[in-house]
Amino acid sequence: MSDFILLGGLEMRSDLKTDYIQRDTERAGQTEKALYLLNTISAITDRGNNAEVRRKKDGSLTVYEVKKNIVTV
C-alpha cells in the first residue's frame, strides 16, 4: 500500500503528489505568460493603437499592434 500524505485535512497518496506539483508549476508558467500578454496589450493600447491576439499553428499566442485609420470618401 502506498504512503499517504495529509494535505489540508485530506489524504493524498504520495504517488499522486508529483502530479499535483507538476500541475502547480504549469499553472505558474501559464500565469507568467498571461501577465506578459496583458502587459503587452496594455502597452499597445496606451499608445492609442488596437491590439489583436492570434493563436499560431503551434498553439502559441501572438499579439499584433494594429493602427486603424478612418478614411472618408
N, C-alpha and C. Protein backbone atom coordinates (compact mmCIF):
# COMPACT_ATOMS: atom_id res chain seq x y z
N MET A 1 0.85 -1.18 0.00
CA MET A 1 0.00 0.00 0.00
C MET A 1 0.89 1.24 0.00
N SER A 2 0.52 2.24 -0.75
CA SER A 2 1.36 3.44 -0.86
C SER A 2 1.18 4.35 0.35
N ASP A 3 2.14 5.23 0.55
CA ASP A 3 2.11 6.16 1.67
C ASP A 3 1.04 7.22 1.44
N PHE A 4 0.51 7.72 2.54
CA PHE A 4 -0.49 8.78 2.46
C PHE A 4 0.08 10.05 3.06
N ILE A 5 -0.27 11.18 2.48
CA ILE A 5 0.17 12.48 2.96
C ILE A 5 -1.06 13.28 3.34
N LEU A 6 -1.01 13.91 4.51
CA LEU A 6 -2.13 14.73 4.96
C LEU A 6 -1.98 16.11 4.35
N LEU A 7 -2.95 16.53 3.55
CA LEU A 7 -2.87 17.80 2.84
C LEU A 7 -4.16 18.57 3.08
N GLY A 8 -4.12 19.55 3.95
CA GLY A 8 -5.29 20.37 4.23
C GLY A 8 -6.47 19.57 4.75
N GLY A 9 -6.19 18.57 5.55
CA GLY A 9 -7.27 17.75 6.10
C GLY A 9 -7.67 16.61 5.19
N LEU A 10 -7.11 16.56 3.98
CA LEU A 10 -7.42 15.48 3.04
C LEU A 10 -6.20 14.59 2.89
N GLU A 11 -6.44 13.33 2.69
CA GLU A 11 -5.34 12.41 2.48
C GLU A 11 -5.06 12.31 1.00
N MET A 12 -3.77 12.30 0.65
CA MET A 12 -3.37 12.20 -0.74
C MET A 12 -2.28 11.15 -0.85
N ARG A 13 -2.40 10.25 -1.80
CA ARG A 13 -1.38 9.24 -1.99
C ARG A 13 -0.09 9.91 -2.45
N SER A 14 1.04 9.42 -1.97
CA SER A 14 2.33 10.04 -2.29
C SER A 14 2.67 9.92 -3.77
N ASP A 15 2.18 8.88 -4.46
CA ASP A 15 2.47 8.76 -5.88
C ASP A 15 1.69 9.79 -6.70
N LEU A 16 0.63 10.36 -6.15
CA LEU A 16 -0.12 11.41 -6.83
C LEU A 16 0.45 12.79 -6.54
N LYS A 17 1.32 12.88 -5.54
CA LYS A 17 1.89 14.17 -5.14
C LYS A 17 2.70 14.80 -6.27
N THR A 18 3.45 14.00 -7.02
CA THR A 18 4.27 14.54 -8.10
C THR A 18 3.39 15.14 -9.19
N ASP A 19 2.27 14.52 -9.49
CA ASP A 19 1.35 15.05 -10.49
C ASP A 19 0.77 16.38 -10.03
N TYR A 20 0.48 16.50 -8.74
CA TYR A 20 -0.06 17.74 -8.18
C TYR A 20 0.96 18.87 -8.28
N ILE A 21 2.22 18.57 -7.95
CA ILE A 21 3.28 19.58 -8.02
C ILE A 21 3.51 20.00 -9.47
N GLN A 22 3.46 19.05 -10.39
CA GLN A 22 3.66 19.37 -11.81
C GLN A 22 2.57 20.30 -12.31
N ARG A 23 1.32 20.05 -11.95
CA ARG A 23 0.22 20.92 -12.36
C ARG A 23 0.37 22.31 -11.76
N ASP A 24 0.87 22.38 -10.53
CA ASP A 24 1.05 23.67 -9.87
C ASP A 24 2.11 24.50 -10.59
N THR A 25 3.20 23.89 -11.02
CA THR A 25 4.24 24.63 -11.75
C THR A 25 3.76 25.01 -13.14
N GLU A 26 2.93 24.18 -13.76
CA GLU A 26 2.37 24.54 -15.07
C GLU A 26 1.48 25.76 -14.94
N ARG A 27 0.69 25.82 -13.88
CA ARG A 27 -0.17 27.00 -13.65
C ARG A 27 0.66 28.25 -13.44
N ALA A 28 1.78 28.13 -12.73
CA ALA A 28 2.65 29.28 -12.50
C ALA A 28 3.20 29.78 -13.82
N GLY A 29 3.59 28.88 -14.70
CA GLY A 29 4.09 29.26 -16.02
C GLY A 29 3.01 29.92 -16.86
N GLN A 30 1.79 29.40 -16.78
CA GLN A 30 0.68 29.99 -17.51
C GLN A 30 0.35 31.38 -16.97
N THR A 31 0.47 31.57 -15.67
CA THR A 31 0.19 32.87 -15.07
C THR A 31 1.21 33.90 -15.55
N GLU A 32 2.49 33.51 -15.62
CA GLU A 32 3.51 34.43 -16.10
C GLU A 32 3.26 34.81 -17.56
N LYS A 33 2.89 33.84 -18.39
CA LYS A 33 2.60 34.11 -19.80
C LYS A 33 1.39 35.03 -19.94
N ALA A 34 0.36 34.79 -19.13
CA ALA A 34 -0.84 35.62 -19.19
C ALA A 34 -0.53 37.05 -18.77
N LEU A 35 0.28 37.23 -17.73
CA LEU A 35 0.66 38.58 -17.30
C LEU A 35 1.49 39.28 -18.37
N TYR A 36 2.38 38.55 -19.03
CA TYR A 36 3.19 39.13 -20.10
C TYR A 36 2.30 39.59 -21.25
N LEU A 37 1.32 38.75 -21.64
CA LEU A 37 0.39 39.14 -22.71
C LEU A 37 -0.42 40.37 -22.31
N LEU A 38 -0.90 40.39 -21.08
CA LEU A 38 -1.69 41.52 -20.61
C LEU A 38 -0.87 42.80 -20.59
N ASN A 39 0.37 42.73 -20.15
CA ASN A 39 1.24 43.91 -20.14
C ASN A 39 1.53 44.39 -21.56
N THR A 40 1.73 43.47 -22.49
CA THR A 40 1.98 43.83 -23.88
C THR A 40 0.76 44.51 -24.49
N ILE A 41 -0.41 43.96 -24.25
CA ILE A 41 -1.65 44.55 -24.76
C ILE A 41 -1.87 45.92 -24.15
N SER A 42 -1.60 46.05 -22.86
CA SER A 42 -1.76 47.33 -22.18
C SER A 42 -0.81 48.38 -22.77
N ALA A 43 0.42 48.02 -23.05
CA ALA A 43 1.39 48.96 -23.63
C ALA A 43 0.94 49.43 -25.01
N ILE A 44 0.39 48.53 -25.81
CA ILE A 44 -0.07 48.88 -27.15
C ILE A 44 -1.27 49.81 -27.07
N THR A 45 -2.23 49.50 -26.22
CA THR A 45 -3.43 50.33 -26.12
C THR A 45 -3.13 51.68 -25.47
N ASP A 46 -2.10 51.74 -24.62
CA ASP A 46 -1.70 53.03 -24.05
C ASP A 46 -1.18 53.98 -25.12
N ARG A 47 -0.61 53.43 -26.19
CA ARG A 47 -0.14 54.25 -27.30
C ARG A 47 -1.27 54.69 -28.21
N GLY A 48 -2.49 54.20 -27.97
CA GLY A 48 -3.64 54.60 -28.77
C GLY A 48 -3.95 53.67 -29.93
N ASN A 49 -3.24 52.55 -30.02
CA ASN A 49 -3.48 51.60 -31.10
C ASN A 49 -4.29 50.42 -30.59
N ASN A 50 -4.77 49.61 -31.50
CA ASN A 50 -5.51 48.41 -31.14
C ASN A 50 -4.56 47.22 -31.07
N ALA A 51 -4.91 46.25 -30.26
CA ALA A 51 -4.12 45.02 -30.14
C ALA A 51 -4.99 43.84 -30.54
N GLU A 52 -4.42 42.97 -31.37
CA GLU A 52 -5.10 41.74 -31.76
C GLU A 52 -4.27 40.56 -31.26
N VAL A 53 -4.94 39.58 -30.70
CA VAL A 53 -4.27 38.37 -30.22
C VAL A 53 -4.70 37.22 -31.12
N ARG A 54 -3.70 36.52 -31.66
CA ARG A 54 -3.99 35.38 -32.53
C ARG A 54 -3.19 34.18 -32.08
N ARG A 55 -3.76 33.01 -32.34
CA ARG A 55 -3.08 31.76 -32.00
C ARG A 55 -2.38 31.23 -33.24
N LYS A 56 -1.09 30.89 -33.09
CA LYS A 56 -0.32 30.31 -34.18
C LYS A 56 -0.65 28.82 -34.33
N LYS A 57 -0.14 28.22 -35.38
CA LYS A 57 -0.38 26.79 -35.61
C LYS A 57 0.19 25.92 -34.50
N ASP A 58 1.29 26.37 -33.88
CA ASP A 58 1.90 25.58 -32.81
C ASP A 58 1.22 25.79 -31.45
N GLY A 59 0.19 26.65 -31.40
CA GLY A 59 -0.57 26.85 -30.17
C GLY A 59 -0.15 28.06 -29.37
N SER A 60 0.95 28.71 -29.75
CA SER A 60 1.38 29.89 -29.01
C SER A 60 0.55 31.11 -29.43
N LEU A 61 0.51 32.11 -28.57
CA LEU A 61 -0.26 33.31 -28.84
C LEU A 61 0.67 34.43 -29.28
N THR A 62 0.19 35.24 -30.23
CA THR A 62 0.95 36.37 -30.73
C THR A 62 0.08 37.61 -30.64
N VAL A 63 0.68 38.72 -30.21
CA VAL A 63 -0.04 39.99 -30.10
C VAL A 63 0.42 40.88 -31.24
N TYR A 64 -0.55 41.41 -32.00
CA TYR A 64 -0.27 42.32 -33.10
C TYR A 64 -0.71 43.72 -32.73
N GLU A 65 0.10 44.70 -33.07
CA GLU A 65 -0.27 46.09 -32.88
C GLU A 65 -0.89 46.57 -34.19
N VAL A 66 -2.12 47.08 -34.10
CA VAL A 66 -2.86 47.47 -35.29
C VAL A 66 -3.19 48.95 -35.20
N LYS A 67 -2.81 49.69 -36.22
CA LYS A 67 -3.13 51.10 -36.33
C LYS A 67 -4.21 51.24 -37.39
N LYS A 68 -5.40 51.63 -36.98
CA LYS A 68 -6.51 51.77 -37.93
C LYS A 68 -6.75 53.25 -38.22
N ASN A 69 -6.91 53.54 -39.47
CA ASN A 69 -7.17 54.91 -39.90
C ASN A 69 -8.58 55.00 -40.46
N ILE A 70 -9.27 56.09 -40.16
CA ILE A 70 -10.59 56.33 -40.72
C ILE A 70 -10.41 57.13 -42.00
N VAL A 71 -10.94 56.59 -43.09
CA VAL A 71 -10.83 57.25 -44.39
C VAL A 71 -12.24 57.60 -44.85
N THR A 72 -12.47 58.88 -45.14
CA THR A 72 -13.78 59.29 -45.64
C THR A 72 -13.69 59.43 -47.16
N VAL A 73 -14.74 59.01 -47.82
CA VAL A 73 -14.76 59.06 -49.30
C VAL A 73 -15.76 60.09 -49.76
